[in-house]
Protein backbone atom coordinates (compact mmCIF):
# COMPACT_ATOMS: atom_id res chain seq x y z
CA MET A 1 -184.98 101.48 -17.36
CA ARG A 2 -186.34 101.63 -20.81
CA GLU A 3 -188.28 105.19 -21.59
CA SER A 4 -191.57 103.03 -22.09
CA ASP A 5 -191.32 101.50 -18.63
CA ILE A 6 -190.71 104.69 -17.13
CA THR A 7 -194.18 105.98 -18.71
CA LEU A 8 -195.78 103.19 -17.63
CA LEU A 9 -194.52 103.82 -13.91
CA ALA A 10 -195.75 107.29 -14.21
CA GLU A 11 -199.12 106.36 -15.27
CA GLU A 12 -199.40 104.05 -12.41
CA MET A 13 -198.60 106.77 -9.59
CA VAL A 14 -201.26 108.77 -10.64
CA GLU A 15 -203.90 108.43 -8.28
CA PRO A 16 -207.67 108.06 -9.89
CA ALA A 17 -209.98 110.94 -9.54
CA LEU A 18 -212.83 108.35 -8.93
CA SER A 19 -212.57 104.54 -8.20
CA VAL A 20 -216.14 102.78 -7.52
CA SER A 21 -216.17 99.03 -6.50
CA GLY A 22 -219.00 96.84 -6.09
CA LEU A 23 -221.49 99.73 -5.67
CA CYS A 24 -224.78 98.55 -5.13
CA PHE A 25 -228.01 100.65 -4.48
CA SER A 26 -231.56 99.88 -3.80
CA TYR A 27 -235.05 101.93 -2.89
CA PRO A 28 -237.60 100.51 -0.47
CA ASP A 29 -239.82 99.67 -3.57
CA ARG A 30 -237.11 99.73 -6.35
CA PRO A 31 -234.19 96.83 -5.80
CA ASN A 32 -231.17 96.62 -7.35
CA VAL A 33 -231.56 100.30 -8.96
CA LEU A 34 -227.33 100.22 -8.60
CA ASN A 35 -226.27 96.38 -9.09
CA ASN A 36 -222.56 95.99 -8.69
CA ILE A 37 -221.08 98.91 -10.29
CA THR A 38 -217.61 99.04 -10.83
CA LEU A 39 -215.51 101.93 -12.46
CA THR A 40 -212.34 104.17 -12.58
CA VAL A 41 -211.95 107.62 -13.81
CA MET A 42 -208.48 109.24 -14.32
CA PRO A 43 -207.91 113.01 -13.87
CA GLY A 44 -208.83 115.09 -16.46
CA GLU A 45 -211.01 112.64 -18.06
CA ARG A 46 -214.72 113.55 -19.89
CA VAL A 47 -217.08 110.93 -19.24
CA GLY A 48 -220.17 110.88 -20.52
CA LEU A 49 -223.07 108.65 -18.66
CA ILE A 50 -225.64 107.64 -21.26
CA GLY A 51 -228.78 105.41 -21.02
CA PRO A 52 -232.53 105.23 -20.75
CA ASN A 53 -234.82 106.46 -18.09
CA GLY A 54 -234.62 104.39 -15.04
CA ALA A 55 -230.88 102.95 -15.65
CA GLY A 56 -229.63 104.20 -12.57
CA LYS A 57 -227.56 107.31 -13.80
CA THR A 58 -229.12 109.98 -11.16
CA THR A 59 -228.96 107.36 -8.32
CA PHE A 60 -225.37 106.66 -9.33
CA PHE A 61 -224.16 110.24 -8.99
CA LEU A 62 -225.99 110.72 -5.85
CA SER A 63 -224.21 107.79 -4.32
CA LEU A 64 -220.84 109.25 -5.78
CA CYS A 65 -221.58 112.58 -4.06
CA GLY A 66 -222.77 110.94 -0.64
CA VAL A 67 -226.37 111.87 -0.72
CA LEU A 68 -227.39 108.27 -1.10
CA LYS A 69 -225.67 105.58 1.06
CA PRO A 70 -225.04 102.62 -1.30
CA SER A 71 -226.14 98.98 0.08
CA ALA A 72 -222.57 97.47 -0.47
CA GLY A 73 -219.63 98.29 -1.88
CA GLU A 74 -217.18 101.38 -1.88
CA VAL A 75 -216.71 105.31 -3.40
CA VAL A 76 -212.86 106.71 -3.05
CA LEU A 77 -213.19 110.08 -4.56
CA LEU A 78 -209.84 111.90 -4.82
CA GLY A 79 -208.18 109.41 -2.73
CA LYS A 80 -210.69 109.41 -0.16
CA SER A 81 -213.67 107.24 0.82
CA VAL A 82 -217.19 108.44 0.30
CA VAL A 83 -218.80 108.94 3.62
CA ASN A 84 -222.99 109.49 3.79
CA GLY A 85 -223.44 112.85 4.47
CA ASP A 86 -219.95 114.44 4.52
CA PHE A 87 -218.91 117.64 2.66
CA ARG A 88 -216.67 117.58 0.06
CA PRO A 89 -215.92 120.77 -1.48
CA ASP A 90 -213.39 119.39 -4.31
CA VAL A 91 -216.47 117.40 -5.62
CA ALA A 92 -219.31 119.36 -6.76
CA LEU A 93 -222.85 118.07 -8.41
CA VAL A 94 -224.95 120.34 -11.04
CA PHE A 95 -228.56 119.46 -10.64
CA GLN A 96 -230.63 118.37 -13.22
CA ASN A 97 -233.12 121.00 -12.18
CA PRO A 98 -231.65 124.26 -11.60
CA ASP A 99 -234.71 125.27 -9.34
CA ASP A 100 -233.43 122.56 -7.07
CA GLN A 101 -229.82 124.21 -6.56
CA LEU A 102 -230.75 128.45 -7.04
CA PHE A 103 -232.41 129.78 -3.82
CA CYS A 104 -230.62 133.00 -3.34
CA PRO A 105 -232.59 136.35 -3.98
CA SER A 106 -229.69 137.25 -6.77
CA VAL A 107 -227.24 135.60 -8.77
CA TRP A 108 -224.25 137.26 -7.01
CA ASP A 109 -225.61 136.01 -3.90
CA ASP A 110 -226.23 132.42 -5.28
CA VAL A 111 -222.68 132.20 -6.56
CA ALA A 112 -221.12 133.69 -3.42
CA PHE A 113 -222.69 131.17 -1.15
CA GLY A 114 -220.62 128.26 -1.36
CA PRO A 115 -217.42 130.38 -1.26
CA GLN A 116 -219.07 132.67 2.05
CA ASN A 117 -219.90 129.29 3.99
CA THR A 118 -216.02 127.62 3.65
CA GLY A 119 -214.88 130.92 5.54
CA LEU A 120 -213.00 132.64 2.69
CA SER A 121 -211.94 136.39 3.17
CA LYS A 122 -214.45 138.95 1.40
CA ASP A 123 -211.77 139.68 -1.51
CA GLU A 124 -211.42 135.87 -2.06
CA VAL A 125 -215.26 135.49 -2.63
CA GLU A 126 -215.54 138.37 -4.77
CA LYS A 127 -212.70 136.98 -6.65
CA ARG A 128 -214.25 133.78 -7.29
CA VAL A 129 -217.95 135.10 -8.28
CA SER A 130 -216.39 137.64 -10.58
CA GLU A 131 -214.10 134.23 -12.38
CA ALA A 132 -217.07 132.04 -12.19
CA LEU A 133 -219.44 134.44 -13.77
CA ALA A 134 -216.88 135.38 -16.66
CA THR A 135 -216.32 131.88 -17.01
CA VAL A 136 -219.78 131.17 -17.94
CA GLU A 137 -220.30 134.59 -19.51
CA GLY A 138 -222.69 135.32 -16.87
CA THR A 139 -221.46 138.55 -15.57
CA GLU A 140 -224.19 140.65 -16.69
CA LEU A 141 -226.69 138.86 -14.77
CA ALA A 142 -224.88 139.20 -11.07
CA GLU A 143 -227.34 141.61 -9.90
CA ARG A 144 -230.65 139.70 -11.38
CA PRO A 145 -233.18 137.67 -9.08
CA VAL A 146 -232.88 134.39 -9.44
CA HIS A 147 -236.33 134.03 -10.19
CA HIS A 148 -236.26 136.48 -13.19
CA LEU A 149 -233.56 134.21 -15.25
CA SER A 150 -234.64 132.31 -18.14
CA GLU A 151 -233.86 128.60 -18.49
CA GLY A 152 -230.68 128.80 -19.93
CA GLU A 153 -229.42 131.52 -17.84
CA LYS A 154 -230.40 129.39 -14.70
CA ARG A 155 -228.54 126.27 -16.03
CA ILE A 156 -224.94 128.61 -16.72
CA ILE A 157 -225.65 130.28 -13.01
CA SER A 158 -225.64 126.77 -11.37
CA VAL A 159 -222.60 125.64 -13.10
CA ALA A 160 -221.13 129.29 -11.82
CA GLY A 161 -221.93 128.60 -8.38
CA VAL A 162 -220.05 124.87 -8.60
CA LEU A 163 -216.90 126.85 -10.17
CA ALA A 164 -216.87 129.15 -7.29
CA MET A 165 -215.97 126.28 -5.13
CA HIS A 166 -213.01 125.00 -7.15
CA PRO A 167 -213.57 121.85 -7.37
CA ARG A 168 -211.72 118.84 -8.88
CA LEU A 169 -214.20 116.58 -9.74
CA ILE A 170 -217.87 118.06 -11.27
CA ILE A 171 -220.69 115.78 -12.02
CA TYR A 172 -223.43 117.34 -14.14
CA ASP A 173 -226.80 115.62 -14.51
CA GLU A 174 -228.68 116.59 -17.79
CA PRO A 175 -227.10 119.96 -18.08
CA GLY A 176 -228.56 120.30 -21.84
CA ALA A 177 -231.93 119.96 -20.94
CA ASN A 178 -234.47 122.43 -22.09
CA LEU A 179 -231.85 124.86 -23.53
CA ASP A 180 -232.32 126.89 -26.73
CA ILE A 181 -229.65 126.33 -29.53
CA ARG A 182 -227.53 129.47 -27.95
CA SER A 183 -227.55 128.46 -24.64
CA ARG A 184 -226.92 124.67 -25.57
CA ARG A 185 -223.65 125.86 -27.51
CA ARG A 186 -222.25 128.25 -24.43
CA LEU A 187 -223.12 125.17 -22.38
CA ILE A 188 -220.78 122.91 -24.95
CA ARG A 189 -217.99 125.48 -25.08
CA LEU A 190 -217.75 125.58 -21.16
CA LEU A 191 -217.54 121.74 -20.98
CA GLN A 192 -214.97 121.78 -23.54
CA CYS A 193 -212.49 123.70 -21.87
CA SER A 194 -213.28 122.56 -18.51
CA THR A 195 -210.03 121.38 -16.61
CA GLU A 196 -211.85 119.80 -13.86
CA THR A 197 -212.58 115.97 -14.14
CA ILE A 198 -215.97 115.74 -15.33
CA LEU A 199 -218.83 113.26 -15.48
CA VAL A 200 -221.58 114.44 -17.81
CA ALA A 201 -225.31 112.39 -17.88
CA SER A 202 -227.23 113.36 -20.68
CA HIS A 203 -229.78 112.04 -23.43
CA ASP A 204 -228.16 114.57 -25.71
CA LEU A 205 -225.87 111.92 -27.38
CA GLU A 206 -224.35 114.80 -29.99
CA LEU A 207 -223.49 116.96 -26.80
CA ILE A 208 -221.52 113.89 -25.33
CA LEU A 209 -219.78 113.19 -28.56
CA GLU A 210 -218.67 116.86 -28.70
CA VAL A 211 -217.37 116.92 -25.02
CA CYS A 212 -216.55 113.40 -23.94
CA ASN A 213 -213.42 111.43 -24.72
CA ARG A 214 -214.99 108.32 -23.01
CA VAL A 215 -218.92 107.34 -22.55
CA VAL A 216 -220.23 104.37 -20.19
CA LEU A 217 -223.83 103.08 -21.23
CA MET A 218 -225.64 102.31 -18.33
CA ASP A 219 -228.81 100.21 -18.13
CA GLY A 220 -230.50 97.72 -15.48
CA GLY A 221 -228.60 99.46 -12.84
CA GLY A 222 -225.04 98.26 -14.38
CA ILE A 223 -222.43 99.63 -16.90
CA VAL A 224 -222.64 97.50 -19.97
CA ALA A 225 -220.30 99.83 -22.26
CA ASP A 226 -217.28 101.68 -21.77
CA GLY A 227 -215.34 103.22 -24.00
CA ASP A 228 -214.47 105.75 -26.95
CA PRO A 229 -217.65 107.43 -27.68
CA ARG A 230 -217.62 107.03 -31.67
CA ARG A 231 -217.20 103.00 -31.19
CA VAL A 232 -219.56 102.55 -28.12
CA MET A 233 -222.41 104.97 -29.90
CA GLY A 234 -221.45 103.98 -33.31
CA ASN A 235 -222.89 100.47 -32.32
CA ALA A 236 -226.16 100.21 -33.83
CA GLU A 237 -227.45 97.19 -32.55
CA LEU A 238 -225.73 97.81 -28.91
CA MET A 239 -227.56 101.21 -28.75
CA GLU A 240 -230.92 99.73 -29.88
CA ALA A 241 -230.60 96.92 -27.35
CA HIS A 242 -230.47 99.54 -24.23
CA GLY A 243 -233.14 101.88 -25.28
CA GLN A 244 -230.94 104.15 -27.19
CA GLU A 245 -230.35 105.43 -31.11
CA LYS A 246 -227.15 106.00 -32.59
CA PRO A 247 -226.48 109.68 -32.99
CA HIS A 248 -227.38 111.37 -36.12
CA SER A 249 -223.64 112.79 -37.00
CA LEU A 250 -222.57 108.99 -36.97
CA LEU A 251 -224.98 107.91 -39.37
CA PRO A 252 -223.95 107.80 -43.35
CA HIS A 253 -225.19 110.60 -45.13
CA GLN A 254 -226.21 110.40 -48.92
CA VAL A 255 -226.28 113.59 -50.44
CA SER A 256 -228.77 114.53 -52.92
CA HIS A 257 -228.69 116.28 -55.96
CA GLN A 258 -232.19 116.88 -56.53
CA TYR A 259 -233.15 120.27 -57.29
CA PRO A 260 -234.80 121.92 -54.14
CA CYS A 261 -238.29 122.61 -54.34
CA ARG A 262 -239.54 125.61 -55.30
CA PRO A 263 -241.96 127.74 -53.54
CA THR A 264 -245.80 127.82 -54.62
CA ILE A 265 -247.11 131.21 -55.84
CA ALA A 266 -250.88 131.44 -55.10
CA ARG A 267 -252.65 132.69 -58.57
CA ASN A 268 -255.56 134.94 -58.03
CA ALA A 269 -258.62 132.99 -59.44
């Protein structure tokens, strides 16, 4: 058998982290929020999900986690079909609003909540909490009340609570929303170093470019493009047709050779 055949066979034997086929979902007052979505994500991929408001991104994520029950289609996560209401510790969702996720008195309690409720020993819980807080650079926040955290701090603690569960697939819904520059950079570093398979929905297209090796463009409840982030997001016509703009870093830039303006000096009358 040729080496190329062996490589192809090995790739075929790898089980997808996520397999979605013919997924449909409607709200009572909004039909076809998701319309026949089919998508496969392999282990280790970092997939960005982009599209205008109302494209169905959050509904798609909630369907993947079993929070919402599709009207048609199937979702298979890590080799097992998703059943509405089932608890899957190997799959985690970081909510768009951290206040929807954080509810315990202290940061340590919040990060420990998941591991404690899966029957782990006290030592294992403490180990997981310490590791998760260290990973997000939030160790010094352990004793802080959750309601005293800044928006950026809440965001990273939400991520720590997910990491403490040791999931294999993490879904991030607008993780960079309302972050200052330093918090955003910390988040990007964290996502770039992630060893889990991740799905990231964001309107921050520069973040998607830095973090993801694949992008999926959604609009009208369906997938309209799927591929290399620079190829998809670099297509200005495609992006504009679906309520997006070509990221600034992909635009041609012309260096100006003009001298900078001098500051105006006030003169006394």
